[in-house]
């Protein structure tokens, strides 16, 4: 994929466990920035959405980015783009060639 296809500057974040909320006792998570990455953000529609939902029930977008050896992307992380938040459902090293990473994500 050429450089022009990666036109969305997204932020990869990981959770940091926080203190319990005084009101509810619920543990709150905060997020910290791991990296900024140029990505391709593609909304799924029609046939693609149906196929993706056979694997992950709520997949709404596909995100492609250059593979980075310094990062291991997991489903505990999330991506942000401007004010939008995307939970990572899966992350795959395409063809195990260390060229590109493909993520199925859910916009929240």
Protein backbone atom coordinates (compact mmCIF):
# COMPACT_ATOMS: atom_id res chain seq x y z
CA UNK A 1 0.00 0.00 0.00
CA UNK A 2 1.45 3.38 -1.00
CA UNK A 3 2.11 6.17 1.45
CA UNK A 4 -0.93 8.15 0.22
CA UNK A 5 -3.30 5.48 1.51
CA UNK A 6 -2.18 6.09 5.10
CA UNK A 7 -3.83 9.47 5.51
CA UNK A 8 -5.34 9.23 9.01
CA UNK A 9 -3.00 10.12 11.87
CA UNK A 10 -4.26 7.88 14.68
CA UNK A 11 -3.08 7.49 18.27
CA UNK A 12 -2.54 4.06 19.82
CA UNK A 13 -3.37 4.07 23.54
CA UNK A 14 -3.14 1.53 26.35
CA UNK A 15 -5.11 1.49 29.60
CA UNK A 16 -3.65 2.31 32.98
CA UNK A 17 -5.66 1.05 35.95
CA UNK A 18 -6.91 3.91 38.08
CA UNK A 19 -8.18 4.29 41.60
CA UNK A 20 -11.66 3.23 42.60
CA UNK A 21 -14.31 5.87 42.21
CA UNK A 22 -15.56 7.09 45.60
CA UNK A 23 -19.19 7.19 44.47
CA UNK A 24 -19.58 3.76 42.89
CA UNK A 25 -16.51 1.76 43.93
CA UNK A 26 -15.95 1.03 40.24
CA UNK A 27 -12.35 0.92 39.03
CA UNK A 28 -11.76 3.64 36.46
CA UNK A 29 -9.27 3.28 33.62
CA UNK A 30 -7.26 6.06 32.14
CA UNK A 31 -5.42 5.83 28.86
CA UNK A 32 -1.86 6.70 27.93
CA UNK A 33 -0.48 7.37 24.47
CA UNK A 34 1.88 4.71 23.09
CA UNK A 35 2.39 5.96 19.55
CA UNK A 36 1.05 8.06 16.71
CA UNK A 37 0.67 6.14 13.46
CA UNK A 38 -0.38 6.99 9.92
CA UNK A 39 -3.23 4.63 9.07
CA UNK A 40 -5.91 3.87 6.56
CA UNK A 41 -9.35 3.97 8.25
CA UNK A 42 -12.01 2.22 6.16
CA UNK A 43 -15.66 1.92 7.23
CA UNK A 44 -17.16 -1.46 6.40
CA UNK A 45 -20.38 -1.72 4.45
CA UNK A 46 -22.60 -4.35 2.91
CA UNK A 47 -20.85 -7.60 2.09
CA UNK A 48 -17.60 -6.66 3.90
CA UNK A 49 -19.48 -5.81 7.08
CA UNK A 50 -21.41 -9.09 6.96
CA UNK A 51 -18.20 -11.11 6.46
CA UNK A 52 -16.36 -9.26 9.24
CA UNK A 53 -19.24 -9.74 11.64
CA UNK A 54 -19.03 -13.50 11.19
CA UNK A 55 -15.75 -13.25 13.12
CA UNK A 56 -16.40 -10.23 15.34
CA UNK A 57 -20.00 -9.28 16.03
CA UNK A 58 -19.53 -5.50 16.10
CA UNK A 59 -16.66 -4.75 13.72
CA UNK A 60 -17.33 -1.39 12.07
CA UNK A 61 -14.01 -0.41 10.45
CA UNK A 62 -10.74 -1.84 9.17
CA UNK A 63 -7.51 -0.03 10.02
CA UNK A 64 -4.29 -0.65 8.12
CA UNK A 65 -0.89 0.69 9.13
CA UNK A 66 2.75 -0.05 8.53
CA UNK A 67 4.00 -2.85 10.77
CA UNK A 68 6.13 -1.70 13.68
CA UNK A 69 8.57 -4.07 15.34
CA UNK A 70 8.70 -1.88 18.46
CA UNK A 71 4.97 -2.37 19.21
CA UNK A 72 2.82 -5.38 19.97
CA UNK A 73 -0.77 -4.30 19.35
CA UNK A 74 -3.31 -6.11 21.54
CA UNK A 75 -7.08 -6.07 22.02
CA UNK A 76 -6.58 -4.31 25.37
CA UNK A 77 -5.52 -1.19 23.44
CA UNK A 78 -7.53 1.36 21.50
CA UNK A 79 -7.05 3.82 18.67
CA UNK A 80 -8.23 7.41 18.60
CA UNK A 81 -8.72 9.62 15.57
CA UNK A 82 -9.65 13.22 16.33
CA UNK A 83 -12.54 12.85 18.80
CA UNK A 84 -13.40 9.28 17.72
CA UNK A 85 -12.47 6.17 19.73
CA UNK A 86 -11.96 2.69 18.26
CA UNK A 87 -11.66 -0.49 20.33
CA UNK A 88 -9.32 -3.02 18.73
CA UNK A 89 -11.02 -6.38 18.15
CA UNK A 90 -8.08 -8.02 16.36
CA UNK A 91 -4.64 -7.10 15.02
CA UNK A 92 -2.87 -9.21 12.41
CA UNK A 93 0.59 -8.98 10.88
CA UNK A 94 -0.54 -9.37 7.25
CA UNK A 95 1.11 -12.43 5.73
CA UNK A 96 3.55 -12.43 8.66
CA UNK A 97 5.80 -10.33 6.42
CA UNK A 98 6.30 -7.44 8.92
CA UNK A 99 5.11 -4.93 6.30
CA UNK A 100 1.56 -4.11 7.33
CA UNK A 101 -0.75 -4.57 10.31
CA UNK A 102 -4.51 -4.99 9.78
CA UNK A 103 -6.92 -4.29 12.65
CA UNK A 104 -10.63 -4.91 12.96
CA UNK A 105 -12.06 -2.19 15.21
CA UNK A 106 -15.34 -1.06 16.74
CA UNK A 107 -16.17 2.62 17.00
CA UNK A 108 -17.58 3.57 20.38
